[in-house]
Amino acid sequence: MNETKRYTVSILGESYTLLSDDTEEHILQTARMVNSLLKDILEKTSVTDTKRAAVLVAFRFASKLIRVETNKAEQEGMCNKLIDLIDEKSEMLD
């Protein structure tokens, strides 16, 4: 189990202190992604309020997470069907 560490990241020029057992590289990559998405929303849309921009970023992440989880569940279902088929065919050979 990884040790919980304290990290400080900067998002839109503000510092945030985080506690996490993730690697520093992962934390910094995540912070860069959040910062980049926030900047994109603030620069490319009519949204000017950082709170509203943060909600849009959270929505994007949640939407992507749901797609990934759905895809994972579909792949697990296909794998289970293949395992069942292999088991069935191997029983026929016995």
N, C-alpha and C. Protein backbone atom coordinates (compact mmCIF):
# COMPACT_ATOMS: atom_id res chain seq x y z
N MET A 1 0.85 -1.19 0.00
CA MET A 1 0.00 0.00 0.00
C MET A 1 0.89 1.24 0.00
N ASN A 2 0.54 2.20 -0.84
CA ASN A 2 1.32 3.42 -0.94
C ASN A 2 1.09 4.32 0.26
N GLU A 3 2.08 5.10 0.54
CA GLU A 3 2.01 6.05 1.65
C GLU A 3 1.30 7.32 1.19
N THR A 4 0.43 7.87 2.04
CA THR A 4 -0.24 9.12 1.72
C THR A 4 0.76 10.26 1.86
N LYS A 5 0.80 11.08 0.81
CA LYS A 5 1.73 12.22 0.80
C LYS A 5 0.95 13.49 0.54
N ARG A 6 1.58 14.60 0.86
CA ARG A 6 0.99 15.92 0.66
C ARG A 6 1.61 16.54 -0.60
N TYR A 7 0.75 17.02 -1.47
CA TYR A 7 1.20 17.66 -2.71
C TYR A 7 0.58 19.04 -2.82
N THR A 8 1.30 19.95 -3.43
CA THR A 8 0.76 21.27 -3.73
C THR A 8 0.78 21.45 -5.23
N VAL A 9 -0.39 21.78 -5.77
CA VAL A 9 -0.51 22.00 -7.21
C VAL A 9 -1.09 23.39 -7.45
N SER A 10 -0.86 23.89 -8.65
CA SER A 10 -1.39 25.20 -9.02
C SER A 10 -2.40 25.02 -10.14
N ILE A 11 -3.60 25.55 -9.92
CA ILE A 11 -4.64 25.51 -10.94
C ILE A 11 -5.19 26.92 -11.08
N LEU A 12 -5.09 27.43 -12.30
CA LEU A 12 -5.49 28.81 -12.60
C LEU A 12 -4.82 29.80 -11.64
N GLY A 13 -3.55 29.53 -11.34
CA GLY A 13 -2.77 30.45 -10.51
C GLY A 13 -3.02 30.34 -9.02
N GLU A 14 -3.91 29.45 -8.60
CA GLU A 14 -4.17 29.26 -7.18
C GLU A 14 -3.57 27.94 -6.72
N SER A 15 -3.00 27.95 -5.53
CA SER A 15 -2.38 26.75 -4.98
C SER A 15 -3.41 25.92 -4.21
N TYR A 16 -3.32 24.60 -4.42
CA TYR A 16 -4.18 23.65 -3.72
C TYR A 16 -3.28 22.57 -3.12
N THR A 17 -3.52 22.26 -1.86
CA THR A 17 -2.78 21.21 -1.20
C THR A 17 -3.66 19.96 -1.18
N LEU A 18 -3.07 18.86 -1.63
CA LEU A 18 -3.80 17.60 -1.75
C LEU A 18 -3.09 16.52 -0.95
N LEU A 19 -3.87 15.61 -0.39
CA LEU A 19 -3.32 14.41 0.23
C LEU A 19 -3.70 13.24 -0.66
N SER A 20 -2.71 12.44 -1.03
CA SER A 20 -2.98 11.33 -1.94
C SER A 20 -1.91 10.26 -1.79
N ASP A 21 -2.31 9.03 -2.12
CA ASP A 21 -1.32 7.95 -2.17
C ASP A 21 -0.89 7.68 -3.61
N ASP A 22 -1.33 8.52 -4.53
CA ASP A 22 -0.88 8.42 -5.92
C ASP A 22 0.53 8.97 -6.05
N THR A 23 1.17 8.66 -7.16
CA THR A 23 2.53 9.17 -7.39
C THR A 23 2.50 10.66 -7.68
N GLU A 24 3.62 11.29 -7.46
CA GLU A 24 3.73 12.72 -7.75
C GLU A 24 3.45 12.98 -9.23
N GLU A 25 3.98 12.11 -10.08
CA GLU A 25 3.77 12.26 -11.53
C GLU A 25 2.27 12.24 -11.87
N HIS A 26 1.54 11.31 -11.25
CA HIS A 26 0.10 11.21 -11.50
C HIS A 26 -0.62 12.49 -11.03
N ILE A 27 -0.29 12.96 -9.84
CA ILE A 27 -0.92 14.17 -9.29
C ILE A 27 -0.64 15.37 -10.20
N LEU A 28 0.61 15.53 -10.62
CA LEU A 28 0.97 16.67 -11.47
C LEU A 28 0.30 16.57 -12.84
N GLN A 29 0.23 15.37 -13.39
CA GLN A 29 -0.44 15.19 -14.68
C GLN A 29 -1.92 15.52 -14.56
N THR A 30 -2.54 15.10 -13.48
CA THR A 30 -3.96 15.39 -13.25
C THR A 30 -4.17 16.89 -13.11
N ALA A 31 -3.33 17.55 -12.36
CA ALA A 31 -3.44 19.00 -12.17
C ALA A 31 -3.28 19.73 -13.50
N ARG A 32 -2.33 19.28 -14.32
CA ARG A 32 -2.13 19.92 -15.63
C ARG A 32 -3.37 19.75 -16.51
N MET A 33 -3.97 18.56 -16.44
CA MET A 33 -5.16 18.31 -17.25
C MET A 33 -6.32 19.19 -16.80
N VAL A 34 -6.55 19.26 -15.49
CA VAL A 34 -7.63 20.11 -14.97
C VAL A 34 -7.37 21.56 -15.35
N ASN A 35 -6.15 22.02 -15.15
CA ASN A 35 -5.80 23.40 -15.48
C ASN A 35 -6.02 23.69 -16.96
N SER A 36 -5.60 22.76 -17.80
CA SER A 36 -5.76 22.93 -19.25
C SER A 36 -7.22 22.99 -19.65
N LEU A 37 -8.04 22.09 -19.11
CA LEU A 37 -9.46 22.09 -19.43
C LEU A 37 -10.14 23.36 -18.95
N LEU A 38 -9.80 23.81 -17.76
CA LEU A 38 -10.37 25.06 -17.26
C LEU A 38 -10.00 26.24 -18.15
N LYS A 39 -8.72 26.32 -18.53
CA LYS A 39 -8.28 27.41 -19.41
C LYS A 39 -9.01 27.36 -20.75
N ASP A 40 -9.15 26.16 -21.32
CA ASP A 40 -9.87 26.02 -22.59
C ASP A 40 -11.30 26.53 -22.48
N ILE A 41 -11.99 26.13 -21.43
CA ILE A 41 -13.38 26.57 -21.26
C ILE A 41 -13.45 28.08 -21.10
N LEU A 42 -12.56 28.63 -20.29
CA LEU A 42 -12.58 30.07 -20.05
C LEU A 42 -12.18 30.88 -21.28
N GLU A 43 -11.30 30.33 -22.12
CA GLU A 43 -10.84 31.04 -23.30
C GLU A 43 -11.73 30.84 -24.52
N LYS A 44 -12.36 29.68 -24.65
CA LYS A 44 -13.06 29.33 -25.88
C LYS A 44 -14.58 29.37 -25.78
N THR A 45 -15.10 29.68 -24.60
CA THR A 45 -16.55 29.76 -24.44
C THR A 45 -16.90 31.11 -23.83
N SER A 46 -18.18 31.33 -23.66
CA SER A 46 -18.63 32.58 -23.05
C SER A 46 -18.60 32.51 -21.52
N VAL A 47 -18.20 31.35 -20.97
CA VAL A 47 -18.12 31.19 -19.52
C VAL A 47 -16.94 31.99 -18.99
N THR A 48 -17.21 32.84 -17.99
CA THR A 48 -16.14 33.63 -17.39
C THR A 48 -15.96 33.33 -15.91
N ASP A 49 -16.95 32.72 -15.30
CA ASP A 49 -16.91 32.39 -13.88
C ASP A 49 -16.16 31.08 -13.69
N THR A 50 -15.13 31.10 -12.86
CA THR A 50 -14.31 29.89 -12.67
C THR A 50 -15.11 28.76 -12.01
N LYS A 51 -16.09 29.11 -11.17
CA LYS A 51 -16.91 28.07 -10.56
C LYS A 51 -17.72 27.34 -11.62
N ARG A 52 -18.30 28.09 -12.54
CA ARG A 52 -19.07 27.46 -13.63
C ARG A 52 -18.15 26.63 -14.51
N ALA A 53 -16.95 27.14 -14.78
CA ALA A 53 -15.99 26.39 -15.59
C ALA A 53 -15.60 25.09 -14.89
N ALA A 54 -15.42 25.15 -13.57
CA ALA A 54 -15.07 23.96 -12.81
C ALA A 54 -16.18 22.92 -12.87
N VAL A 55 -17.43 23.37 -12.83
CA VAL A 55 -18.56 22.45 -12.94
C VAL A 55 -18.55 21.78 -14.32
N LEU A 56 -18.26 22.53 -15.36
CA LEU A 56 -18.20 21.96 -16.71
C LEU A 56 -17.06 20.94 -16.82
N VAL A 57 -15.93 21.23 -16.22
CA VAL A 57 -14.81 20.28 -16.21
C VAL A 57 -15.22 19.01 -15.45
N ALA A 58 -15.86 19.18 -14.31
CA ALA A 58 -16.31 18.02 -13.54
C ALA A 58 -17.30 17.20 -14.36
N PHE A 59 -18.18 17.86 -15.09
CA PHE A 59 -19.15 17.16 -15.93
C PHE A 59 -18.43 16.36 -17.02
N ARG A 60 -17.42 16.96 -17.64
CA ARG A 60 -16.65 16.25 -18.68
C ARG A 60 -15.99 15.00 -18.11
N PHE A 61 -15.36 15.16 -16.93
CA PHE A 61 -14.70 14.00 -16.31
C PHE A 61 -15.71 12.93 -15.94
N ALA A 62 -16.84 13.32 -15.38
CA ALA A 62 -17.86 12.34 -14.99
C ALA A 62 -18.40 11.62 -16.22
N SER A 63 -18.63 12.35 -17.29
CA SER A 63 -19.13 11.75 -18.52
C SER A 63 -18.13 10.74 -19.08
N LYS A 64 -16.87 11.12 -19.09
CA LYS A 64 -15.84 10.21 -19.59
C LYS A 64 -15.72 8.98 -18.70
N LEU A 65 -15.81 9.16 -17.39
CA LEU A 65 -15.74 8.03 -16.46
C LEU A 65 -16.89 7.06 -16.70
N ILE A 66 -18.08 7.58 -16.91
CA ILE A 66 -19.23 6.72 -17.18
C ILE A 66 -19.01 5.92 -18.46
N ARG A 67 -18.49 6.57 -19.51
CA ARG A 67 -18.21 5.85 -20.76
C ARG A 67 -17.18 4.75 -20.54
N VAL A 68 -16.13 5.04 -19.79
CA VAL A 68 -15.08 4.05 -19.52
C VAL A 68 -15.65 2.88 -18.72
N GLU A 69 -16.45 3.17 -17.69
CA GLU A 69 -17.03 2.11 -16.88
C GLU A 69 -18.00 1.25 -17.70
N THR A 70 -18.78 1.88 -18.57
CA THR A 70 -19.70 1.14 -19.42
C THR A 70 -18.93 0.24 -20.37
N ASN A 71 -17.89 0.78 -20.98
CA ASN A 71 -17.05 0.01 -21.89
C ASN A 71 -16.41 -1.17 -21.17
N LYS A 72 -15.92 -0.92 -19.96
CA LYS A 72 -15.30 -1.98 -19.16
C LYS A 72 -16.31 -3.10 -18.88
N ALA A 73 -17.52 -2.73 -18.48
CA ALA A 73 -18.55 -3.72 -18.18
C ALA A 73 -18.89 -4.53 -19.43
N GLU A 74 -18.96 -3.88 -20.58
CA GLU A 74 -19.25 -4.59 -21.84
C GLU A 74 -18.12 -5.56 -22.17
N GLN A 75 -16.88 -5.13 -21.99
CA GLN A 75 -15.74 -6.00 -22.27
C GLN A 75 -15.69 -7.17 -21.30
N GLU A 76 -16.01 -6.95 -20.04
CA GLU A 76 -16.05 -8.04 -19.07
C GLU A 76 -17.12 -9.05 -19.45
N GLY A 77 -18.27 -8.55 -19.92
CA GLY A 77 -19.33 -9.44 -20.37
C GLY A 77 -18.89 -10.30 -21.54
N MET A 78 -18.20 -9.69 -22.51
CA MET A 78 -17.71 -10.44 -23.66
C MET A 78 -16.66 -11.47 -23.23
N CYS A 79 -15.77 -11.08 -22.31
CA CYS A 79 -14.76 -12.02 -21.81
C CYS A 79 -15.41 -13.21 -21.12
N ASN A 80 -16.43 -12.94 -20.32
CA ASN A 80 -17.13 -14.03 -19.63
C ASN A 80 -17.81 -14.97 -20.62
N LYS A 81 -18.38 -14.43 -21.68
CA LYS A 81 -19.00 -15.27 -22.72
C LYS A 81 -17.95 -16.14 -23.40
N LEU A 82 -16.79 -15.54 -23.69
CA LEU A 82 -15.70 -16.31 -24.31
C LEU A 82 -15.20 -17.41 -23.37
N ILE A 83 -15.06 -17.10 -22.10
CA ILE A 83 -14.63 -18.11 -21.12
C ILE A 83 -15.63 -19.26 -21.07
N ASP A 84 -16.91 -18.91 -21.03
CA ASP A 84 -17.95 -19.95 -21.02
C ASP A 84 -17.88 -20.82 -22.27
N LEU A 85 -17.67 -20.18 -23.42
CA LEU A 85 -17.59 -20.90 -24.68
C LEU A 85 -16.36 -21.83 -24.70
N ILE A 86 -15.25 -21.34 -24.21
CA ILE A 86 -14.04 -22.16 -24.14
C ILE A 86 -14.25 -23.33 -23.20
N ASP A 87 -14.86 -23.06 -22.04
CA ASP A 87 -15.14 -24.15 -21.10
C ASP A 87 -16.06 -25.19 -21.73
N GLU A 88 -17.07 -24.72 -22.42
CA GLU A 88 -18.03 -25.63 -23.08
C GLU A 88 -17.33 -26.49 -24.11
N LYS A 89 -16.48 -25.87 -24.94
CA LYS A 89 -15.77 -26.61 -25.99
C LYS A 89 -14.75 -27.57 -25.40
N SER A 90 -14.10 -27.17 -24.32
CA SER A 90 -13.10 -28.05 -23.71
C SER A 90 -13.77 -29.26 -23.06
N GLU A 91 -14.96 -29.08 -22.54
CA GLU A 91 -15.72 -30.21 -21.98
C GLU A 91 -16.10 -31.20 -23.07
N MET A 92 -16.35 -30.70 -24.26
CA MET A 92 -16.70 -31.58 -25.38
C MET A 92 -15.51 -32.45 -25.79
N LEU A 93 -14.30 -31.94 -25.57
CA LEU A 93 -13.10 -32.67 -25.95
C LEU A 93 -12.74 -33.75 -24.93
N ASP A 94 -13.24 -33.61 -23.72
CA ASP A 94 -12.92 -34.58 -22.67
C ASP A 94 -13.63 -35.88 -22.84
